C-alpha atoms as a PDB file:
ATOM      1  CA  UNK A   1    -160.827-179.124 -96.667  1.00  0.00           C
ATOM      2  CA  UNK A   2    -157.313-180.657 -96.574  1.00  0.00           C
ATOM      3  CA  UNK A   3    -157.444-183.153 -93.690  1.00  0.00           C
ATOM      4  CA  UNK A   4    -154.057-184.805 -94.357  1.00  0.00           C
ATOM      5  CA  UNK A   5    -152.138-181.662 -95.296  1.00  0.00           C
ATOM      6  CA  UNK A   6    -149.132-180.557 -93.299  1.00  0.00           C
ATOM      7  CA  UNK A   7    -146.289-178.112 -93.726  1.00  0.00           C
ATOM      8  CA  UNK A   8    -142.842-177.667 -92.272  1.00  0.00           C
ATOM      9  CA  UNK A   9    -139.796-175.480 -92.745  1.00  0.00           C
ATOM     10  CA  UNK A  10    -136.172-176.444 -93.010  1.00  0.00           C
ATOM     11  CA  UNK A  11    -133.170-174.152 -92.620  1.00  0.00           C
ATOM     12  CA  UNK A  12    -130.948-174.316 -95.690  1.00  0.00           C
ATOM     13  CA  UNK A  13    -127.900-172.350 -96.728  1.00  0.00           C
ATOM     14  CA  UNK A  14    -128.445-169.801 -99.526  1.00  0.00           C
ATOM     15  CA  UNK A  15    -125.914-171.561-101.760  1.00  0.00           C
ATOM     16  CA  UNK A  16    -128.106-174.665-101.772  1.00  0.00           C
ATOM     17  CA  UNK A  17    -131.220-172.765-102.820  1.00  0.00           C
ATOM     18  CA  UNK A  18    -129.670-171.208-105.922  1.00  0.00           C
ATOM     19  CA  UNK A  19    -129.181-174.738-107.256  1.00  0.00           C
ATOM     20  CA  UNK A  20    -132.937-175.446-107.146  1.00  0.00           C
ATOM     21  CA  UNK A  21    -134.551-175.087-110.576  1.00  0.00           C
ATOM     22  CA  UNK A  22    -136.995-172.186-110.622  1.00  0.00           C
ATOM     23  CA  UNK A  23    -135.756-170.637-107.381  1.00  0.00           C
ATOM     24  CA  UNK A  24    -136.098-166.867-107.277  1.00  0.00           C
ATOM     25  CA  UNK A  25    -134.378-164.894-104.541  1.00  0.00           C
ATOM     26  CA  UNK A  26    -137.082-162.449-103.453  1.00  0.00           C
ATOM     27  CA  UNK A  27    -134.542-160.437-101.478  1.00  0.00           C
ATOM     28  CA  UNK A  28    -132.689-159.410-104.642  1.00  0.00           C
ATOM     29  CA  UNK A  29    -133.800-156.382-106.637  1.00  0.00           C
ATOM     30  CA  UNK A  30    -132.992-158.406-109.779  1.00  0.00           C
ATOM     31  CA  UNK A  31    -135.967-160.690-109.006  1.00  0.00           C
ATOM     32  CA  UNK A  32    -138.410-157.784-109.043  1.00  0.00           C
ATOM     33  CA  UNK A  33    -136.872-156.126-112.123  1.00  0.00           C
ATOM     34  CA  UNK A  34    -137.282-159.353-114.091  1.00  0.00           C
ATOM     35  CA  UNK A  35    -141.053-159.396-113.666  1.00  0.00           C
ATOM     36  CA  UNK A  36    -142.955-158.539-116.803  1.00  0.00           C
ATOM     37  CA  UNK A  37    -144.033-154.930-117.102  1.00  0.00           C
ATOM     38  CA  UNK A  38    -147.663-153.961-116.875  1.00  0.00           C
ATOM     39  CA  UNK A  39    -148.230-154.496-113.192  1.00  0.00           C
ATOM     40  CA  UNK A  40    -147.534-157.095-110.617  1.00  0.00           C
ATOM     41  CA  UNK A  41    -150.042-159.783-109.586  1.00  0.00           C
ATOM     42  CA  UNK A  42    -151.476-159.134-106.135  1.00  0.00           C
ATOM     43  CA  UNK A  43    -149.769-162.221-104.697  1.00  0.00           C
ATOM     44  CA  UNK A  44    -146.369-160.879-105.764  1.00  0.00           C
ATOM     45  CA  UNK A  45    -147.130-157.481-104.239  1.00  0.00           C
ATOM     46  CA  UNK A  46    -147.766-159.305-100.959  1.00  0.00           C
ATOM     47  CA  UNK A  47    -144.544-161.292-101.365  1.00  0.00           C
ATOM     48  CA  UNK A  48    -142.575-158.111-102.057  1.00  0.00           C
ATOM     49  CA  UNK A  49    -143.879-156.550 -98.853  1.00  0.00           C
ATOM     50  CA  UNK A  50    -142.956-159.677 -96.912  1.00  0.00           C
ATOM     51  CA  UNK A  51    -139.436-159.651 -98.398  1.00  0.00           C
ATOM     52  CA  UNK A  52    -139.024-156.007 -97.428  1.00  0.00           C
ATOM     53  CA  UNK A  53    -139.916-156.774 -93.828  1.00  0.00           C
ATOM     54  CA  UNK A  54    -137.410-159.647 -93.799  1.00  0.00           C
ATOM     55  CA  UNK A  55    -134.647-157.278 -94.901  1.00  0.00           C
ATOM     56  CA  UNK A  56    -135.517-154.906 -92.082  1.00  0.00           C
ATOM     57  CA  UNK A  57    -135.092-157.603 -89.407  1.00  0.00           C
ATOM     58  CA  UNK A  58    -131.641-158.211 -87.927  1.00  0.00           C
ATOM     59  CA  UNK A  59    -130.161-161.681 -88.502  1.00  0.00           C
ATOM     60  CA  UNK A  60    -130.175-163.806 -85.331  1.00  0.00           C
END
């Protein structure tokens, strides 16, 4: 389906990310409060669960 597609991850400091236009810190309650009322799209529900599990893990 996507024969030439690839993906990678890069470690960046949090201070760098806040400078990226459109960045939303999913670990902050403010992010979730700012969503429009009337329900959350299923993809964001999944993201919220993922963020919650990240908070529960100790930092290496």
